[in-house]
Amino acid sequence: MNQKTNPIVLSVAQCRKAYDEAYAAIMEAEESEHEEVNRMVAKRAATDAALANLPMLTSRQGAAEYIACIAWMQGRRLLTPAEVRSHMYTAQTILATMSGGNSASK
């Protein structure tokens, strides 16, 4: 599958775009002597924007896209390990429900 049409690649790009746009907007709006504080605030708000743009967990494809976005966020260290575990557990539970299995309880 072409990278430009791969739904997982497109979903990660959408999460990244939401993050980048929110971060840039906050950094432009905040004019302060405390640039490090601005970066921390912008990073958290941008992370929240990326989370708000996560794919829906309504299909196996959506779950794969969701997991890919969480993995991207983990790689950028935007989420705490506990947040990553929580999101991955949610995806695992949904996938187990869709397959009729009980892999979430293993």
N, C-alpha and C. Protein backbone atom coordinates (compact mmCIF):
# COMPACT_ATOMS: atom_id res chain seq x y z
N MET A 1 0.85 -1.19 0.00
CA MET A 1 0.00 0.00 0.00
C MET A 1 0.88 1.24 0.00
N ASN A 2 0.52 2.20 -0.78
CA ASN A 2 1.24 3.46 -0.91
C ASN A 2 1.19 4.22 0.42
N GLN A 3 2.33 4.80 0.82
CA GLN A 3 2.40 5.56 2.07
C GLN A 3 1.39 6.72 2.09
N LYS A 4 1.13 7.30 0.90
CA LYS A 4 0.22 8.45 0.84
C LYS A 4 -1.23 8.04 1.02
N THR A 5 -1.54 6.76 0.84
CA THR A 5 -2.92 6.31 0.98
C THR A 5 -3.10 5.34 2.13
N ASN A 6 -2.03 5.00 2.82
CA ASN A 6 -2.11 4.08 3.95
C ASN A 6 -2.88 4.77 5.09
N PRO A 7 -4.03 4.19 5.52
CA PRO A 7 -4.84 4.86 6.54
C PRO A 7 -4.10 5.05 7.87
N ILE A 8 -3.20 4.14 8.19
CA ILE A 8 -2.46 4.29 9.45
C ILE A 8 -1.51 5.49 9.34
N VAL A 9 -0.82 5.60 8.24
CA VAL A 9 0.10 6.73 8.04
C VAL A 9 -0.69 8.04 8.03
N LEU A 10 -1.83 8.05 7.38
CA LEU A 10 -2.66 9.26 7.34
C LEU A 10 -3.17 9.64 8.72
N SER A 11 -3.54 8.65 9.55
CA SER A 11 -4.01 8.94 10.91
C SER A 11 -2.91 9.53 11.77
N VAL A 12 -1.72 8.96 11.67
CA VAL A 12 -0.59 9.51 12.44
C VAL A 12 -0.30 10.93 11.97
N ALA A 13 -0.37 11.16 10.67
CA ALA A 13 -0.14 12.51 10.14
C ALA A 13 -1.19 13.48 10.68
N GLN A 14 -2.43 13.04 10.81
CA GLN A 14 -3.48 13.91 11.34
C GLN A 14 -3.22 14.23 12.82
N CYS A 15 -2.82 13.23 13.60
CA CYS A 15 -2.50 13.48 15.01
C CYS A 15 -1.31 14.43 15.13
N ARG A 16 -0.31 14.21 14.28
CA ARG A 16 0.87 15.06 14.31
C ARG A 16 0.52 16.49 13.90
N LYS A 17 -0.31 16.64 12.89
CA LYS A 17 -0.72 17.97 12.44
C LYS A 17 -1.47 18.71 13.55
N ALA A 18 -2.38 18.01 14.23
CA ALA A 18 -3.12 18.63 15.33
C ALA A 18 -2.15 19.09 16.42
N TYR A 19 -1.18 18.25 16.72
CA TYR A 19 -0.17 18.60 17.73
C TYR A 19 0.62 19.82 17.29
N ASP A 20 1.18 19.76 16.09
CA ASP A 20 2.03 20.85 15.59
C ASP A 20 1.29 22.18 15.51
N GLU A 21 0.05 22.15 15.03
CA GLU A 21 -0.73 23.39 14.91
C GLU A 21 -1.05 23.98 16.27
N ALA A 22 -1.44 23.13 17.21
CA ALA A 22 -1.77 23.64 18.55
C ALA A 22 -0.53 24.20 19.23
N TYR A 23 0.58 23.50 19.10
CA TYR A 23 1.83 23.96 19.71
C TYR A 23 2.24 25.31 19.14
N ALA A 24 2.22 25.43 17.82
CA ALA A 24 2.61 26.69 17.18
C ALA A 24 1.69 27.83 17.58
N ALA A 25 0.39 27.57 17.63
CA ALA A 25 -0.56 28.62 17.99
C ALA A 25 -0.34 29.12 19.40
N ILE A 26 -0.07 28.21 20.32
CA ILE A 26 0.14 28.61 21.71
C ILE A 26 1.45 29.37 21.85
N MET A 27 2.49 28.90 21.20
CA MET A 27 3.78 29.58 21.31
C MET A 27 3.72 30.98 20.70
N GLU A 28 2.93 31.16 19.65
CA GLU A 28 2.78 32.48 19.04
C GLU A 28 1.97 33.41 19.94
N ALA A 29 0.96 32.85 20.60
CA ALA A 29 0.07 33.67 21.43
C ALA A 29 0.71 34.06 22.76
N GLU A 30 1.57 33.23 23.27
CA GLU A 30 2.19 33.47 24.57
C GLU A 30 3.44 34.32 24.41
N GLU A 31 3.37 35.51 24.91
CA GLU A 31 4.54 36.37 24.92
C GLU A 31 4.92 36.57 26.37
N SER A 32 5.96 35.88 26.75
CA SER A 32 6.35 35.90 28.16
C SER A 32 7.86 35.76 28.27
N GLU A 33 8.36 36.16 29.41
CA GLU A 33 9.78 36.00 29.68
C GLU A 33 10.10 34.54 30.00
N HIS A 34 9.09 33.77 30.28
CA HIS A 34 9.27 32.40 30.75
C HIS A 34 9.04 31.41 29.61
N GLU A 35 9.96 31.40 28.66
CA GLU A 35 9.79 30.57 27.47
C GLU A 35 9.70 29.08 27.81
N GLU A 36 10.43 28.64 28.81
CA GLU A 36 10.38 27.21 29.19
C GLU A 36 8.98 26.84 29.69
N VAL A 37 8.36 27.73 30.45
CA VAL A 37 6.99 27.48 30.92
C VAL A 37 6.04 27.48 29.73
N ASN A 38 6.24 28.40 28.82
CA ASN A 38 5.40 28.44 27.61
C ASN A 38 5.51 27.13 26.84
N ARG A 39 6.73 26.62 26.70
CA ARG A 39 6.92 25.35 25.98
C ARG A 39 6.20 24.20 26.68
N MET A 40 6.26 24.18 28.00
CA MET A 40 5.59 23.10 28.75
C MET A 40 4.07 23.18 28.58
N VAL A 41 3.54 24.40 28.69
CA VAL A 41 2.09 24.59 28.51
C VAL A 41 1.69 24.24 27.09
N ALA A 42 2.47 24.69 26.12
CA ALA A 42 2.16 24.40 24.72
C ALA A 42 2.23 22.90 24.44
N LYS A 43 3.22 22.24 25.01
CA LYS A 43 3.36 20.80 24.79
C LYS A 43 2.16 20.04 25.33
N ARG A 44 1.69 20.40 26.53
CA ARG A 44 0.53 19.69 27.11
C ARG A 44 -0.73 19.99 26.31
N ALA A 45 -0.94 21.24 25.95
CA ALA A 45 -2.13 21.60 25.18
C ALA A 45 -2.10 20.95 23.79
N ALA A 46 -0.92 20.91 23.19
CA ALA A 46 -0.80 20.27 21.88
C ALA A 46 -1.02 18.76 21.98
N THR A 47 -0.54 18.16 23.06
CA THR A 47 -0.79 16.73 23.29
C THR A 47 -2.28 16.48 23.43
N ASP A 48 -2.97 17.35 24.16
CA ASP A 48 -4.42 17.22 24.29
C ASP A 48 -5.11 17.34 22.93
N ALA A 49 -4.61 18.23 22.08
CA ALA A 49 -5.18 18.38 20.74
C ALA A 49 -4.97 17.11 19.92
N ALA A 50 -3.80 16.52 20.02
CA ALA A 50 -3.54 15.26 19.31
C ALA A 50 -4.44 14.15 19.83
N LEU A 51 -4.62 14.08 21.14
CA LEU A 51 -5.51 13.07 21.72
C LEU A 51 -6.95 13.27 21.25
N ALA A 52 -7.35 14.51 21.11
CA ALA A 52 -8.71 14.80 20.64
C ALA A 52 -8.90 14.37 19.19
N ASN A 53 -7.81 14.22 18.47
CA ASN A 53 -7.88 13.81 17.06
C ASN A 53 -7.56 12.34 16.84
N LEU A 54 -7.55 11.56 17.92
CA LEU A 54 -7.30 10.12 17.77
C LEU A 54 -8.41 9.50 16.94
N PRO A 55 -8.06 8.50 16.13
CA PRO A 55 -9.09 7.80 15.36
C PRO A 55 -10.10 7.12 16.28
N MET A 56 -11.28 6.94 15.78
CA MET A 56 -12.34 6.29 16.54
C MET A 56 -12.05 4.79 16.65
N LEU A 57 -12.38 4.24 17.79
CA LEU A 57 -12.20 2.80 18.02
C LEU A 57 -13.48 2.05 17.65
N THR A 58 -13.91 2.23 16.42
CA THR A 58 -15.16 1.62 15.98
C THR A 58 -14.95 0.46 15.01
N SER A 59 -13.68 0.18 14.68
CA SER A 59 -13.37 -0.92 13.77
C SER A 59 -11.95 -1.39 14.06
N ARG A 60 -11.60 -2.53 13.52
CA ARG A 60 -10.23 -3.02 13.68
C ARG A 60 -9.23 -2.04 13.04
N GLN A 61 -9.61 -1.48 11.89
CA GLN A 61 -8.75 -0.49 11.23
C GLN A 61 -8.59 0.75 12.11
N GLY A 62 -9.70 1.22 12.68
CA GLY A 62 -9.63 2.37 13.57
C GLY A 62 -8.74 2.09 14.78
N ALA A 63 -8.82 0.87 15.30
CA ALA A 63 -7.97 0.50 16.44
C ALA A 63 -6.50 0.51 16.04
N ALA A 64 -6.19 0.00 14.85
CA ALA A 64 -4.80 0.00 14.37
C ALA A 64 -4.29 1.43 14.22
N GLU A 65 -5.13 2.31 13.71
CA GLU A 65 -4.76 3.71 13.54
C GLU A 65 -4.58 4.39 14.91
N TYR A 66 -5.46 4.09 15.84
CA TYR A 66 -5.40 4.61 17.21
C TYR A 66 -4.06 4.21 17.85
N ILE A 67 -3.74 2.92 17.75
CA ILE A 67 -2.50 2.40 18.33
C ILE A 67 -1.30 3.09 17.70
N ALA A 68 -1.33 3.28 16.40
CA ALA A 68 -0.21 3.94 15.71
C ALA A 68 -0.03 5.37 16.22
N CYS A 69 -1.12 6.08 16.43
CA CYS A 69 -1.02 7.46 16.94
C CYS A 69 -0.46 7.47 18.36
N ILE A 70 -0.92 6.55 19.20
CA ILE A 70 -0.40 6.47 20.57
C ILE A 70 1.09 6.14 20.54
N ALA A 71 1.48 5.23 19.65
CA ALA A 71 2.90 4.87 19.53
C ALA A 71 3.72 6.08 19.09
N TRP A 72 3.19 6.87 18.16
CA TRP A 72 3.89 8.08 17.73
C TRP A 72 4.05 9.04 18.92
N MET A 73 2.97 9.21 19.68
CA MET A 73 3.03 10.10 20.84
C MET A 73 4.00 9.57 21.90
N GLN A 74 4.04 8.27 22.06
CA GLN A 74 4.98 7.67 23.00
C GLN A 74 6.41 7.93 22.54
N GLY A 75 6.65 7.75 21.26
CA GLY A 75 7.98 7.99 20.71
C GLY A 75 8.45 9.42 20.89
N ARG A 76 7.52 10.35 20.89
CA ARG A 76 7.84 11.78 21.09
C ARG A 76 7.86 12.14 22.58
N ARG A 77 7.55 11.16 23.43
CA ARG A 77 7.47 11.36 24.89
C ARG A 77 6.44 12.41 25.27
N LEU A 78 5.31 12.35 24.57
CA LEU A 78 4.22 13.29 24.85
C LEU A 78 3.27 12.74 25.91
N LEU A 79 3.32 11.43 26.13
CA LEU A 79 2.46 10.79 27.11
C LEU A 79 3.32 10.12 28.18
N THR A 80 2.78 10.05 29.38
CA THR A 80 3.47 9.32 30.44
C THR A 80 3.31 7.82 30.18
N PRO A 81 4.17 7.01 30.75
CA PRO A 81 3.99 5.56 30.60
C PRO A 81 2.60 5.09 31.05
N ALA A 82 2.08 5.69 32.10
CA ALA A 82 0.74 5.30 32.57
C ALA A 82 -0.34 5.67 31.54
N GLU A 83 -0.19 6.82 30.90
CA GLU A 83 -1.15 7.21 29.86
C GLU A 83 -1.08 6.25 28.67
N VAL A 84 0.14 5.88 28.29
CA VAL A 84 0.31 4.95 27.18
C VAL A 84 -0.36 3.61 27.52
N ARG A 85 -0.09 3.09 28.72
CA ARG A 85 -0.70 1.82 29.14
C ARG A 85 -2.22 1.90 29.10
N SER A 86 -2.76 2.99 29.59
CA SER A 86 -4.21 3.16 29.61
C SER A 86 -4.80 3.15 28.21
N HIS A 87 -4.18 3.90 27.30
CA HIS A 87 -4.68 3.95 25.92
C HIS A 87 -4.52 2.60 25.22
N MET A 88 -3.39 1.93 25.44
CA MET A 88 -3.19 0.63 24.81
C MET A 88 -4.15 -0.41 25.37
N TYR A 89 -4.42 -0.34 26.65
CA TYR A 89 -5.39 -1.26 27.25
C TYR A 89 -6.78 -1.02 26.66
N THR A 90 -7.13 0.23 26.47
CA THR A 90 -8.42 0.56 25.87
C THR A 90 -8.52 -0.05 24.47
N ALA A 91 -7.48 0.13 23.67
CA ALA A 91 -7.48 -0.43 22.31
C ALA A 91 -7.54 -1.96 22.36
N GLN A 92 -6.79 -2.56 23.26
CA GLN A 92 -6.78 -4.02 23.40
C GLN A 92 -8.18 -4.53 23.78
N THR A 93 -8.82 -3.84 24.68
CA THR A 93 -10.16 -4.24 25.11
C THR A 93 -11.15 -4.16 23.96
N ILE A 94 -11.08 -3.08 23.21
CA ILE A 94 -11.97 -2.92 22.05
C ILE A 94 -11.72 -4.02 21.03
N LEU A 95 -10.44 -4.30 20.74
CA LEU A 95 -10.12 -5.35 19.77
C LEU A 95 -10.62 -6.71 20.24
N ALA A 96 -10.48 -6.98 21.53
CA ALA A 96 -10.96 -8.25 22.07
C ALA A 96 -12.47 -8.34 21.96
N THR A 97 -13.15 -7.25 22.19
CA THR A 97 -14.61 -7.22 22.06
C THR A 97 -15.03 -7.47 20.63
N MET A 98 -14.30 -6.86 19.70
CA MET A 98 -14.63 -7.04 18.28
C MET A 98 -14.41 -8.47 17.80
N SER A 99 -13.39 -9.11 18.35
CA SER A 99 -13.09 -10.46 17.90
C SER A 99 -13.87 -11.51 18.67
N GLY A 100 -14.58 -11.07 19.72
CA GLY A 100 -15.35 -12.00 20.54
C GLY A 100 -14.48 -12.80 21.49
N GLY A 101 -13.19 -12.47 21.51
CA GLY A 101 -12.27 -13.18 22.39
C GLY A 101 -12.16 -12.53 23.74
N ASN A 102 -11.27 -13.07 24.54
CA ASN A 102 -11.05 -12.51 25.87
C ASN A 102 -9.58 -12.20 26.08
N SER A 103 -8.89 -11.77 25.02
CA SER A 103 -7.45 -11.50 25.13
C SER A 103 -7.14 -10.34 26.07
N ALA A 104 -8.12 -9.48 26.35
CA ALA A 104 -7.88 -8.36 27.26
C ALA A 104 -7.67 -8.83 28.68
N SER A 105 -8.16 -10.03 29.01
CA SER A 105 -8.03 -10.50 30.37
C SER A 105 -6.82 -11.40 30.55
N LYS A 106 -6.04 -11.62 29.51
CA LYS A 106 -4.85 -12.48 29.62
C LYS A 106 -3.71 -11.77 30.30
